N, C-alpha and C. Protein backbone atom coordinates (compact mmCIF):
# COMPACT_ATOMS: atom_id res chain seq x y z
N MET A 1 24.36 23.27 199.08
CA MET A 1 25.55 23.01 199.89
C MET A 1 24.85 22.40 200.79
N SER A 2 24.99 20.98 202.21
CA SER A 2 24.25 20.96 203.12
C SER A 2 24.47 21.12 203.98
N SER A 3 24.23 21.84 205.00
CA SER A 3 24.29 22.53 206.72
C SER A 3 25.53 20.95 207.39
N VAL A 4 26.62 21.91 207.40
CA VAL A 4 27.13 21.67 209.02
C VAL A 4 26.83 21.51 210.52
N SER A 5 26.37 20.09 211.17
CA SER A 5 26.31 19.98 212.38
C SER A 5 26.86 19.88 213.15
N THR A 6 26.83 20.18 214.37
CA THR A 6 28.85 19.97 215.53
C THR A 6 27.35 19.57 216.57
N PRO A 7 28.08 18.80 217.52
CA PRO A 7 27.55 18.14 218.51
C PRO A 7 27.69 19.45 219.96
N GLU A 8 26.78 19.91 220.30
CA GLU A 8 26.97 20.68 221.75
C GLU A 8 26.52 19.77 223.45
N PRO A 9 26.31 21.17 223.95
CA PRO A 9 26.54 20.08 225.67
C PRO A 9 24.86 19.54 225.23
N GLY A 10 24.12 19.39 226.17
CA GLY A 10 23.17 18.25 225.78
C GLY A 10 22.00 17.71 225.05
N GLY A 11 23.22 17.58 224.35
CA GLY A 11 22.13 16.26 223.21
C GLY A 11 22.34 17.37 221.54
N THR A 12 22.20 18.73 222.07
CA THR A 12 21.38 19.18 220.95
C THR A 12 22.88 19.83 220.03
N ARG A 13 22.47 20.18 218.87
CA ARG A 13 23.12 20.43 218.00
C ARG A 13 23.01 21.78 217.17
N ALA A 14 23.81 22.41 216.95
CA ALA A 14 23.94 23.39 216.05
C ALA A 14 24.32 23.64 214.54
N VAL A 15 23.38 24.15 214.34
CA VAL A 15 23.80 23.74 212.25
C VAL A 15 24.72 24.67 212.31
N ARG A 16 25.78 25.27 212.20
CA ARG A 16 26.78 26.22 210.25
C ARG A 16 26.45 26.30 209.44
N ARG A 17 26.37 27.26 209.48
CA ARG A 17 25.61 27.58 207.80
C ARG A 17 26.97 27.80 207.08
N PRO A 18 26.58 27.34 205.91
CA PRO A 18 27.67 27.80 205.27
C PRO A 18 28.40 29.05 204.73
N ARG A 19 29.44 29.60 204.60
CA ARG A 19 29.94 30.75 203.72
C ARG A 19 29.72 31.62 202.81
N THR A 20 29.77 32.15 202.84
CA THR A 20 28.76 32.49 201.39
C THR A 20 29.71 33.35 200.40
N LEU A 21 29.80 33.64 199.58
CA LEU A 21 31.44 34.12 198.87
C LEU A 21 31.71 35.90 199.51
N LYS A 22 30.38 36.76 200.44
CA LYS A 22 30.90 38.23 200.32
C LYS A 22 31.75 36.96 201.44
N ASN A 23 31.46 36.34 202.20
CA ASN A 23 32.27 36.05 204.03
C ASN A 23 33.42 35.18 203.14
N ARG A 24 33.60 34.60 202.14
CA ARG A 24 34.71 33.77 201.78
C ARG A 24 35.36 34.99 201.02
N SER A 25 35.54 36.07 200.03
CA SER A 25 35.67 36.97 200.12
C SER A 25 36.43 37.76 200.52
N TYR A 26 36.21 38.31 201.44
CA TYR A 26 36.41 39.01 203.40
C TYR A 26 37.91 38.46 203.47
N GLN A 27 37.62 37.32 203.90
CA GLN A 27 38.37 36.43 204.61
C GLN A 27 39.90 36.27 203.81
N VAL A 28 39.98 35.83 202.58
CA VAL A 28 40.88 36.15 201.31
C VAL A 28 41.21 37.58 201.42
N ALA A 29 40.27 38.10 201.30
CA ALA A 29 41.21 40.07 201.05
C ALA A 29 41.81 40.42 202.64
N ARG A 30 41.86 39.68 203.69
CA ARG A 30 41.91 40.24 205.26
C ARG A 30 43.57 39.10 205.38
N TRP A 31 43.65 37.99 204.61
CA TRP A 31 44.72 37.13 204.72
C TRP A 31 45.67 38.02 204.40
N LEU A 32 45.42 37.91 202.93
CA LEU A 32 46.55 38.81 201.53
C LEU A 32 46.72 40.12 202.81
N HIS A 33 45.89 41.18 203.35
CA HIS A 33 46.55 41.80 203.26
C HIS A 33 47.26 41.36 204.76
N VAL A 34 47.13 41.08 205.51
CA VAL A 34 47.89 40.23 207.16
C VAL A 34 48.82 39.70 206.59
N TYR A 35 49.42 39.41 205.22
CA TYR A 35 50.84 38.39 205.82
C TYR A 35 51.53 39.34 204.87
N THR A 36 51.45 39.48 203.49
CA THR A 36 51.62 40.68 202.78
C THR A 36 52.07 41.85 203.34
N SER A 37 51.20 42.74 204.28
CA SER A 37 52.19 43.07 205.10
C SER A 37 53.09 42.75 206.30
N MET A 38 53.08 42.06 206.77
CA MET A 38 54.06 41.23 207.45
C MET A 38 55.53 41.53 207.01
N ILE A 39 55.07 40.90 205.30
CA ILE A 39 56.51 40.64 204.57
C ILE A 39 56.85 41.34 204.34
N SER A 40 55.73 42.77 203.70
CA SER A 40 56.99 44.06 203.11
C SER A 40 56.67 45.32 204.31
N LEU A 41 56.86 44.49 206.06
CA LEU A 41 56.72 45.94 206.51
C LEU A 41 58.59 46.37 206.88
N LEU A 42 59.34 45.78 207.14
CA LEU A 42 60.50 46.26 206.69
C LEU A 42 60.80 47.12 205.79
N ILE A 43 60.39 46.77 204.33
CA ILE A 43 60.34 47.80 203.35
C ILE A 43 59.63 48.84 203.63
N VAL A 44 58.23 48.80 203.85
CA VAL A 44 58.00 49.89 204.69
C VAL A 44 58.83 50.78 205.09
N LEU A 45 59.25 50.11 206.10
CA LEU A 45 59.66 51.46 207.68
C LEU A 45 61.18 51.62 206.97
N PHE A 46 62.15 50.86 205.92
CA PHE A 46 63.46 51.32 205.52
C PHE A 46 62.16 52.97 204.40
N PHE A 47 61.61 52.71 203.00
CA PHE A 47 61.20 53.81 202.15
C PHE A 47 60.66 55.22 202.96
N SER A 48 59.99 54.78 204.42
CA SER A 48 59.67 56.01 205.43
C SER A 48 60.56 56.61 205.55
N VAL A 49 61.76 56.18 205.91
CA VAL A 49 62.44 56.27 207.21
C VAL A 49 63.94 57.35 206.27
N THR A 50 64.03 56.54 205.55
CA THR A 50 64.76 57.26 203.90
C THR A 50 63.58 58.24 202.87
N GLY A 51 62.67 58.02 202.74
CA GLY A 51 62.16 59.00 202.50
C GLY A 51 62.45 60.16 202.66
N VAL A 52 61.99 59.91 203.98
CA VAL A 52 62.55 61.81 204.82
C VAL A 52 63.18 62.05 205.51
N VAL A 53 64.64 61.72 205.60
CA VAL A 53 65.95 61.96 205.40
C VAL A 53 66.10 62.54 204.28
N LEU A 54 65.34 61.89 202.75
CA LEU A 54 66.05 62.44 201.28
C LEU A 54 65.10 63.90 201.48
N ASN A 55 63.81 64.28 202.32
CA ASN A 55 63.16 65.31 202.15
C ASN A 55 64.21 66.56 203.28
N HIS A 56 65.43 66.27 203.69
CA HIS A 56 65.80 66.88 204.67
C HIS A 56 67.15 66.97 204.69
N PRO A 57 67.67 67.52 203.32
CA PRO A 57 69.55 66.87 203.25
C PRO A 57 70.89 67.57 203.91
N GLU A 58 69.93 68.27 204.86
CA GLU A 58 70.73 68.65 205.83
C GLU A 58 71.33 68.26 206.58
N TRP A 59 69.80 67.01 207.22
CA TRP A 59 70.24 65.67 208.15
C TRP A 59 71.69 65.32 207.83
N THR A 60 72.93 64.48 208.49
CA THR A 60 73.76 64.02 208.33
C THR A 60 74.08 63.31 208.96
N PHE A 61 73.82 62.93 209.80
CA PHE A 61 74.01 62.47 211.10
C PHE A 61 75.43 61.75 211.49
N GLY A 62 75.98 62.93 211.23
CA GLY A 62 77.45 62.63 211.05
C GLY A 62 77.87 62.12 210.18
N SER A 63 77.25 61.99 208.94
CA SER A 63 77.56 61.44 208.08
C SER A 63 78.71 62.03 206.90
N ALA A 64 79.81 62.49 206.30
CA ALA A 64 80.80 62.88 206.35
C ALA A 64 80.70 62.53 204.82
N GLU A 65 80.88 63.58 204.26
CA GLU A 65 81.38 63.02 202.58
C GLU A 65 83.00 63.05 202.41
N THR A 66 83.97 62.62 201.44
CA THR A 66 85.69 62.04 201.44
C THR A 66 85.58 62.03 200.29
N ARG A 67 86.77 62.69 199.62
CA ARG A 67 87.20 62.20 198.45
C ARG A 67 89.05 62.70 198.82
N GLN A 68 88.81 61.29 197.13
CA GLN A 68 90.38 60.67 197.24
C GLN A 68 90.76 60.90 195.55
N GLN A 69 92.20 60.62 196.05
CA GLN A 69 92.69 59.98 194.32
C GLN A 69 93.46 58.91 194.54
N VAL A 70 93.13 57.73 194.19
CA VAL A 70 93.96 56.08 193.74
C VAL A 70 94.77 56.83 192.37
N LYS A 71 95.93 56.37 193.25
CA LYS A 71 96.50 56.47 191.39
C LYS A 71 97.54 54.52 191.40
N GLY A 72 97.52 53.94 190.36
CA GLY A 72 98.28 53.16 189.93
C GLY A 72 99.08 52.79 188.85
N THR A 73 99.06 52.10 189.17
CA THR A 73 99.70 51.09 187.58
C THR A 73 99.44 50.11 186.61
N LEU A 74 98.27 49.87 185.40
CA LEU A 74 97.84 48.52 185.36
C LEU A 74 98.89 47.51 185.01
N PRO A 75 98.21 46.08 184.69
CA PRO A 75 99.15 44.95 184.93
C PRO A 75 99.04 45.03 182.81
N GLN A 76 100.39 44.87 182.19
CA GLN A 76 100.70 44.58 181.16
C GLN A 76 99.47 44.09 180.23
N THR A 77 98.70 43.02 180.54
CA THR A 77 98.07 42.67 179.78
C THR A 77 96.71 43.00 179.97
N TRP A 78 96.71 44.85 180.13
CA TRP A 78 95.09 45.31 180.32
C TRP A 78 94.91 45.50 179.41
N LYS A 79 96.01 45.57 177.48
CA LYS A 79 95.76 45.56 176.34
C LYS A 79 95.89 44.45 175.32
N ALA A 80 94.60 44.38 174.59
CA ALA A 80 95.09 43.23 173.91
C ALA A 80 95.24 43.92 171.95
N GLY A 81 96.94 44.00 172.71
CA GLY A 81 97.13 44.33 170.87
C GLY A 81 96.84 46.15 171.18
N SER A 82 96.06 46.94 170.09
CA SER A 82 96.13 47.55 170.35
C SER A 82 94.67 48.11 171.18
N ALA A 83 94.15 47.52 171.34
CA ALA A 83 92.33 47.72 171.89
C ALA A 83 93.31 47.74 173.41
N VAL A 84 91.66 48.38 174.35
CA VAL A 84 91.46 48.04 175.32
C VAL A 84 91.04 46.83 175.67
N ASP A 85 91.61 45.73 176.68
CA ASP A 85 90.87 44.83 177.57
C ASP A 85 90.10 44.93 178.94
N TRP A 86 88.48 45.22 178.67
CA TRP A 86 88.44 46.27 179.43
C TRP A 86 87.58 45.03 180.79
N LEU A 87 87.54 43.77 180.53
CA LEU A 87 87.22 43.71 181.55
C LEU A 87 88.94 43.40 182.85
N LYS A 88 90.10 42.67 181.66
CA LYS A 88 91.44 43.16 182.85
C LYS A 88 91.40 44.47 183.51
N VAL A 89 90.67 45.63 182.60
CA VAL A 89 90.88 46.48 183.43
C VAL A 89 90.14 46.89 185.00
N THR A 90 88.96 46.01 184.35
CA THR A 90 88.07 46.37 184.96
C THR A 90 88.47 45.62 186.79
N ALA A 91 88.70 44.68 186.12
CA ALA A 91 89.65 43.58 187.44
C ALA A 91 90.52 44.02 188.33
N ALA A 92 91.05 44.46 187.26
CA ALA A 92 92.60 45.62 188.10
C ALA A 92 92.33 46.34 189.17
N LEU A 93 91.04 47.69 188.28
CA LEU A 93 90.79 48.28 189.56
C LEU A 93 90.23 48.06 190.72
N GLN A 94 89.67 46.91 190.45
CA GLN A 94 88.53 46.42 191.86
C GLN A 94 89.37 45.70 192.55
N LYS A 95 90.21 45.25 192.10
CA LYS A 95 91.63 44.61 193.02
C LYS A 95 92.22 45.64 193.71
N ALA A 96 92.19 46.82 193.57
CA ALA A 96 93.25 47.93 193.69
C ALA A 96 92.16 48.63 195.03
N GLY A 97 90.95 47.71 194.47
CA GLY A 97 90.46 48.41 196.16
C GLY A 97 88.87 49.55 195.45
N LEU A 98 88.11 49.64 194.36
CA LEU A 98 87.66 50.83 193.18
C LEU A 98 86.33 49.78 193.73
N LYS A 99 85.18 50.30 193.70
CA LYS A 99 84.23 49.12 193.96
C LYS A 99 83.09 49.66 192.95
N GLY A 100 81.96 48.86 193.01
CA GLY A 100 81.02 49.85 192.10
C GLY A 100 80.49 48.70 190.93
N THR A 101 79.51 49.29 190.39
CA THR A 101 79.09 48.32 188.63
C THR A 101 80.39 49.84 187.99
N ALA A 102 80.83 48.66 186.78
CA ALA A 102 81.43 50.10 186.07
C ALA A 102 81.27 50.08 185.08
N GLY A 103 81.44 50.98 184.20
CA GLY A 103 81.03 51.58 182.53
C GLY A 103 81.17 52.71 182.12
N ASP A 104 80.33 53.45 181.37
CA ASP A 104 80.86 54.48 180.57
C ASP A 104 82.91 54.31 180.27
N TYR A 105 83.40 53.27 179.51
CA TYR A 105 83.72 53.14 179.20
C TYR A 105 84.37 54.11 177.70
N ARG A 106 85.72 54.67 177.02
CA ARG A 106 85.99 55.63 176.91
C ARG A 106 87.40 55.32 176.34
N ALA A 107 87.54 55.30 174.94
CA ALA A 107 89.09 55.29 174.54
C ALA A 107 89.49 55.33 173.48
N ASP A 108 90.50 56.73 173.77
CA ASP A 108 90.86 57.35 172.81
C ASP A 108 92.31 57.64 172.72
N SER A 109 92.45 58.99 172.11
CA SER A 109 93.79 59.36 172.17
C SER A 109 94.18 60.32 173.08
N GLY A 110 92.96 61.13 173.94
CA GLY A 110 93.16 61.74 174.95
C GLY A 110 93.35 61.31 176.36
N GLY A 111 93.17 59.81 176.23
CA GLY A 111 93.44 58.95 177.96
C GLY A 111 91.82 57.45 177.29
N ASP A 112 91.88 57.10 178.07
CA ASP A 112 91.25 56.08 178.49
C ASP A 112 91.21 55.96 179.49
N THR A 113 89.22 56.21 179.31
CA THR A 113 88.80 56.46 180.72
C THR A 113 87.15 55.15 181.12
N LEU A 114 87.03 54.65 182.36
CA LEU A 114 85.80 54.38 182.45
C LEU A 114 85.32 55.24 184.50
N SER A 115 84.90 55.05 184.51
CA SER A 115 84.02 55.13 185.89
C SER A 115 83.71 53.91 186.49
N PHE A 116 83.07 54.22 188.34
CA PHE A 116 82.61 53.12 188.94
C PHE A 116 81.72 53.91 189.24
N ARG A 117 80.42 52.98 190.37
CA ARG A 117 79.27 54.03 190.16
C ARG A 117 78.65 52.68 191.15
N ALA A 118 78.18 53.02 192.61
CA ALA A 118 77.44 52.80 193.68
C ALA A 118 76.71 53.06 194.46
N PRO A 119 75.86 53.46 195.87
CA PRO A 119 75.24 53.77 196.08
C PRO A 119 76.26 55.00 196.82
N GLY A 120 75.71 55.78 197.16
CA GLY A 120 77.22 56.95 197.32
C GLY A 120 78.53 56.71 197.55
N TYR A 121 78.62 56.57 195.91
CA TYR A 121 80.07 56.73 195.68
C TYR A 121 79.98 56.19 194.39
N SER A 122 81.58 56.89 193.96
CA SER A 122 81.59 56.88 192.08
C SER A 122 83.33 57.36 192.42
N ALA A 123 83.07 56.73 191.20
CA ALA A 123 84.42 56.54 191.39
C ALA A 123 85.17 56.88 189.38
N ASP A 124 85.78 58.28 188.93
CA ASP A 124 86.23 58.31 188.03
C ASP A 124 87.60 58.16 187.28
N VAL A 125 88.06 57.18 186.30
CA VAL A 125 89.80 56.55 186.25
C VAL A 125 90.08 57.09 184.60
N ASN A 126 91.10 57.44 185.10
CA ASN A 126 91.38 57.98 183.76
C ASN A 126 93.26 57.29 183.55
N ILE A 127 92.70 56.57 182.03
CA ILE A 127 94.41 55.97 182.00
C ILE A 127 95.25 56.56 180.71
N GLU A 128 96.87 56.97 181.07
CA GLU A 128 97.22 56.77 179.53
C GLU A 128 97.52 55.91 179.24
N PRO A 129 97.03 56.13 177.63
CA PRO A 129 97.05 55.03 176.43
C PRO A 129 98.79 55.01 176.79
N ALA A 130 99.23 54.98 176.50
CA ALA A 130 101.13 55.05 176.28
C ALA A 130 101.24 53.83 177.74
N THR A 131 101.39 53.76 178.59
CA THR A 131 102.01 53.41 180.27
C THR A 131 101.26 52.90 181.29
N GLY A 132 100.42 53.17 180.85
CA GLY A 132 99.01 51.91 181.37
C GLY A 132 99.26 52.39 182.87
N ARG A 133 99.29 54.37 183.50
CA ARG A 133 99.55 54.65 184.71
C ARG A 133 98.00 55.34 185.07
N TYR A 134 97.04 54.96 186.35
CA TYR A 134 95.65 55.30 185.98
C TYR A 134 95.56 56.65 186.92
N THR A 135 95.13 57.35 187.24
CA THR A 135 94.12 57.96 188.40
C THR A 135 93.35 58.36 188.51
N ALA A 136 91.94 57.16 189.35
CA ALA A 136 91.07 57.82 189.88
C ALA A 136 90.48 58.37 190.44
N SER A 137 89.13 59.29 190.38
CA SER A 137 88.45 60.47 191.64
C SER A 137 87.59 59.66 192.82
N VAL A 138 88.22 59.11 193.81
CA VAL A 138 87.19 58.59 194.17
C VAL A 138 86.35 59.86 195.07
N ASP A 139 85.30 59.34 195.24
CA ASP A 139 84.32 60.01 195.69
C ASP A 139 82.96 59.25 196.78
N SER A 140 83.04 59.48 198.08
CA SER A 140 82.73 58.86 198.68
C SER A 140 81.62 59.56 200.13
N GLN A 141 80.36 59.34 199.39
CA GLN A 141 79.50 60.69 199.81
C GLN A 141 79.04 59.98 201.51
N GLY A 142 79.15 59.32 202.16
CA GLY A 142 78.49 58.50 203.69
C GLY A 142 77.18 57.83 203.54
N TRP A 143 76.90 56.90 204.83
CA TRP A 143 76.46 56.14 204.63
C TRP A 143 74.81 56.91 203.97
N VAL A 144 74.44 57.78 204.90
CA VAL A 144 73.35 58.45 204.72
C VAL A 144 72.86 58.56 202.50
N ALA A 145 73.68 59.16 202.39
CA ALA A 145 73.67 59.17 200.63
C ALA A 145 73.87 57.95 200.29
N ALA A 146 74.09 56.85 200.74
CA ALA A 146 73.92 55.52 199.92
C ALA A 146 72.51 55.29 200.44
N LEU A 147 72.37 55.71 201.41
CA LEU A 147 71.13 54.67 202.17
C LEU A 147 69.69 55.47 200.75
N GLY A 148 70.02 57.11 200.83
CA GLY A 148 69.14 58.21 199.74
C GLY A 148 69.33 57.22 198.52
N ASP A 149 70.83 57.07 197.88
CA ASP A 149 70.69 56.34 196.66
C ASP A 149 69.92 54.55 196.87
N LEU A 150 69.85 53.81 197.60
CA LEU A 150 69.36 52.76 197.90
C LEU A 150 67.69 53.63 197.72
N HIS A 151 66.49 54.38 198.06
CA HIS A 151 65.50 54.65 198.42
C HIS A 151 65.62 55.05 196.62
N ARG A 152 66.47 55.51 196.00
CA ARG A 152 66.12 56.23 194.42
C ARG A 152 65.50 55.06 193.47
N GLY A 153 66.86 53.80 193.85
CA GLY A 153 67.06 52.77 192.87
C GLY A 153 68.93 53.00 191.99
N ARG A 154 69.22 54.07 192.34
CA ARG A 154 70.35 54.69 191.86
C ARG A 154 71.29 53.61 191.83
N ASP A 155 72.33 53.70 190.94
CA ASP A 155 73.14 52.86 190.42
C ASP A 155 73.08 51.98 191.68
N ALA A 156 72.22 50.70 191.72
CA ALA A 156 72.52 49.89 193.09
C ALA A 156 72.60 48.46 192.36
N GLY A 157 72.66 48.05 191.16
CA GLY A 157 72.64 47.06 190.62
C GLY A 157 71.11 46.81 190.46
N SER A 158 70.77 45.81 189.27
CA SER A 158 70.07 44.54 189.44
C SER A 158 69.35 43.95 190.07
N ALA A 159 69.43 43.44 191.62
CA ALA A 159 69.53 42.96 191.99
C ALA A 159 68.48 43.55 192.93
N TRP A 160 68.97 44.74 193.41
CA TRP A 160 68.18 45.95 194.39
C TRP A 160 67.25 46.33 193.59
N SER A 161 67.42 46.88 192.41
CA SER A 161 66.53 46.57 191.57
C SER A 161 64.56 46.22 191.34
N LEU A 162 65.33 44.84 191.43
CA LEU A 162 63.89 43.79 191.97
C LEU A 162 63.64 44.30 192.91
N ALA A 163 64.34 43.88 193.56
CA ALA A 163 63.25 44.15 195.10
C ALA A 163 62.70 45.77 195.04
N LEU A 164 62.80 46.69 194.59
CA LEU A 164 62.22 47.86 194.31
C LEU A 164 60.77 47.40 193.68
N ASP A 165 60.63 46.40 192.44
CA ASP A 165 59.87 46.34 191.81
C ASP A 165 59.00 45.71 192.42
N LEU A 166 59.50 44.38 193.78
CA LEU A 166 58.68 43.68 194.52
C LEU A 166 58.25 44.02 195.72
N ALA A 167 58.68 45.45 196.19
CA ALA A 167 57.92 46.57 197.50
C ALA A 167 57.26 47.35 196.88
N GLY A 168 57.30 47.66 195.18
CA GLY A 168 55.93 48.38 194.78
C GLY A 168 54.88 47.37 193.96
N TYR A 169 54.92 45.88 194.34
CA TYR A 169 53.91 45.32 194.04
C TYR A 169 53.06 44.73 195.31
N PHE A 170 54.38 44.84 197.16
CA PHE A 170 53.15 44.38 197.64
C PHE A 170 52.87 45.69 197.97
N LEU A 171 53.32 46.53 198.21
CA LEU A 171 53.00 47.34 198.73
C LEU A 171 51.22 48.24 198.13
N THR A 172 51.50 47.92 196.87
CA THR A 172 49.62 48.04 195.65
C THR A 172 48.67 46.87 196.75
N LEU A 173 49.45 45.35 196.85
CA LEU A 173 48.21 44.91 197.17
C LEU A 173 47.85 44.92 198.55
N ILE A 174 48.75 45.63 198.74
CA ILE A 174 48.26 46.08 200.54
C ILE A 174 47.25 46.95 200.06
N ALA A 175 47.51 48.15 199.12
CA ALA A 175 46.57 48.91 199.44
C ALA A 175 45.26 48.03 199.43
N LEU A 176 45.54 47.71 197.57
CA LEU A 176 44.40 47.31 197.79
C LEU A 176 43.33 45.89 198.28
N THR A 177 44.18 45.42 198.60
CA THR A 177 43.56 44.15 199.98
C THR A 177 43.01 45.13 201.29
N GLY A 178 44.04 46.32 201.99
CA GLY A 178 43.42 47.82 202.62
C GLY A 178 41.74 47.57 201.86
N LEU A 179 41.91 48.28 200.72
CA LEU A 179 40.36 48.93 199.95
C LEU A 179 39.44 47.96 200.44
N ALA A 180 39.90 46.29 199.99
CA ALA A 180 38.45 45.92 199.97
C ALA A 180 38.07 45.01 200.46
N MET A 181 38.59 45.11 202.04
CA MET A 181 38.32 45.02 203.47
C MET A 181 37.24 46.25 203.89
N LEU A 182 37.28 47.36 203.93
CA LEU A 182 37.07 48.75 203.69
C LEU A 182 35.77 48.51 203.34
N LEU A 183 35.60 48.07 202.77
CA LEU A 183 34.38 47.68 201.26
C LEU A 183 33.16 46.78 202.16
N TYR A 184 33.76 45.60 202.88
CA TYR A 184 32.98 44.18 203.52
C TYR A 184 32.31 45.85 204.90
N LEU A 185 33.22 46.39 205.47
CA LEU A 185 32.45 46.67 206.42
C LEU A 185 31.64 47.75 206.80
N LYS A 186 30.10 47.21 206.79
CA LYS A 186 29.41 48.33 206.72
C LYS A 186 29.60 49.21 207.54
N LYS A 187 29.96 49.46 208.77
CA LYS A 187 29.43 50.52 209.23
C LYS A 187 31.10 51.28 209.50
N LEU A 188 31.87 51.06 208.93
CA LEU A 188 33.05 52.73 208.36
C LEU A 188 32.94 52.64 206.80
N ARG A 189 32.08 51.56 206.42
CA ARG A 189 32.65 51.89 204.59
C ARG A 189 32.16 54.03 203.70
N LEU A 190 31.58 54.24 205.10
CA LEU A 190 30.99 55.97 204.13
C LEU A 190 32.38 56.56 204.79
N SER A 191 32.49 55.59 206.06
CA SER A 191 33.53 57.19 206.62
C SER A 191 34.51 56.57 206.45
N GLY A 192 34.95 55.96 205.49
CA GLY A 192 36.27 55.49 205.07
C GLY A 192 37.00 55.88 204.02
N ILE A 193 35.42 55.56 202.89
CA ILE A 193 35.38 56.18 201.73
C ILE A 193 35.64 57.99 201.53
N LEU A 194 35.10 58.27 201.88
CA LEU A 194 35.22 59.78 202.46
C LEU A 194 36.67 60.26 202.88
N THR A 195 37.02 59.67 203.86
CA THR A 195 38.57 59.76 204.25
C THR A 195 39.33 59.18 202.77
N LEU A 196 39.17 58.20 202.62
CA LEU A 196 39.94 58.43 201.25
C LEU A 196 40.20 59.46 199.95
N LEU A 197 38.51 59.30 199.94
CA LEU A 197 38.44 60.98 198.70
C LEU A 197 39.15 62.20 199.15
N ALA A 198 38.86 62.61 200.79
CA ALA A 198 39.69 63.75 200.97
C ALA A 198 41.33 63.89 201.23
N GLY A 199 41.79 62.85 201.26
CA GLY A 199 42.92 62.36 201.47
C GLY A 199 43.81 62.10 199.86
N ALA A 200 42.92 61.80 199.01
CA ALA A 200 43.38 62.29 197.59
C ALA A 200 43.60 63.52 197.03
N ALA A 201 42.51 64.37 197.68
CA ALA A 201 42.28 65.49 197.15
C ALA A 201 43.20 66.84 198.40
N LEU A 202 43.85 66.12 198.56
CA LEU A 202 44.22 66.62 199.78
C LEU A 202 45.76 66.73 198.46
N VAL A 203 46.38 65.21 198.56
CA VAL A 203 47.74 64.62 197.49
C VAL A 203 47.85 65.67 196.52
N GLY A 204 46.56 65.89 195.92
CA GLY A 204 46.23 66.15 194.85
C GLY A 204 47.04 67.94 194.86
N LEU A 205 45.86 68.21 195.52
CA LEU A 205 46.51 69.97 196.11
C LEU A 205 47.57 70.16 196.50
N LEU A 206 48.58 69.05 196.48
CA LEU A 206 49.83 69.15 197.02
C LEU A 206 50.70 69.05 195.80
N MET A 207 50.64 67.89 195.29
CA MET A 207 50.93 67.37 193.93
C MET A 207 51.19 68.98 193.04
N LYS A 208 49.74 69.76 192.88
CA LYS A 208 49.11 70.85 191.69
C LYS A 208 50.17 71.92 191.99
N LEU A 209 50.36 72.17 194.03
CA LEU A 209 51.49 72.99 194.08
C LEU A 209 52.93 73.39 193.66
N ALA A 210 53.21 71.88 194.07
CA ALA A 210 54.13 71.72 194.05
C ALA A 210 55.16 71.48 192.08
N LEU A 211 53.99 71.20 191.70
CA LEU A 211 54.45 71.80 189.95
C LEU A 211 54.61 72.63 189.32
N LYS A 212 53.88 74.50 190.53
CA LYS A 212 53.64 75.40 189.24
C LYS A 212 55.16 75.64 190.21
């Protein structure tokens, strides 16, 4: 590869050396590290804050749990013959104010039941087979509990599950590119690797103590 020269004052030309594979690799690692850090900045902040809050369940910040019962009667079309039309039942209950993902469908002579789940929210519904009257026990745990469930990915749906996967991929890429950059920094390489090993040993020790 030929060298590229650029003019300088006084008529002389400075020779620009071609970048080596090492330099190009470092530039790529730095570019990936910077931009993935910017993309996932809010994700890292969210999981950092909610992780601390989860570790201190006594911190409620004024968020209170509420429990109530919702009663009503399903429309006459909630059954198709003798079988329960769960789609119509779900739609009718959501129209009545229940939210979240419906599931745990069960139909028997003792009563037809289903549940709704969302972060920080649950509703268990019991339906009288003969009349279509229902009673829903609704438990709203507050916004702190909702953020905790989002942190854990519980009852949050497929879209949030994808967001958690992407967050994991970004954080992994940030860690690997940060390590790659460290390996290119000759003055900091040894101390950085020793710090990494010390941190890994500390985390391992804490995990061992937690599992006892």
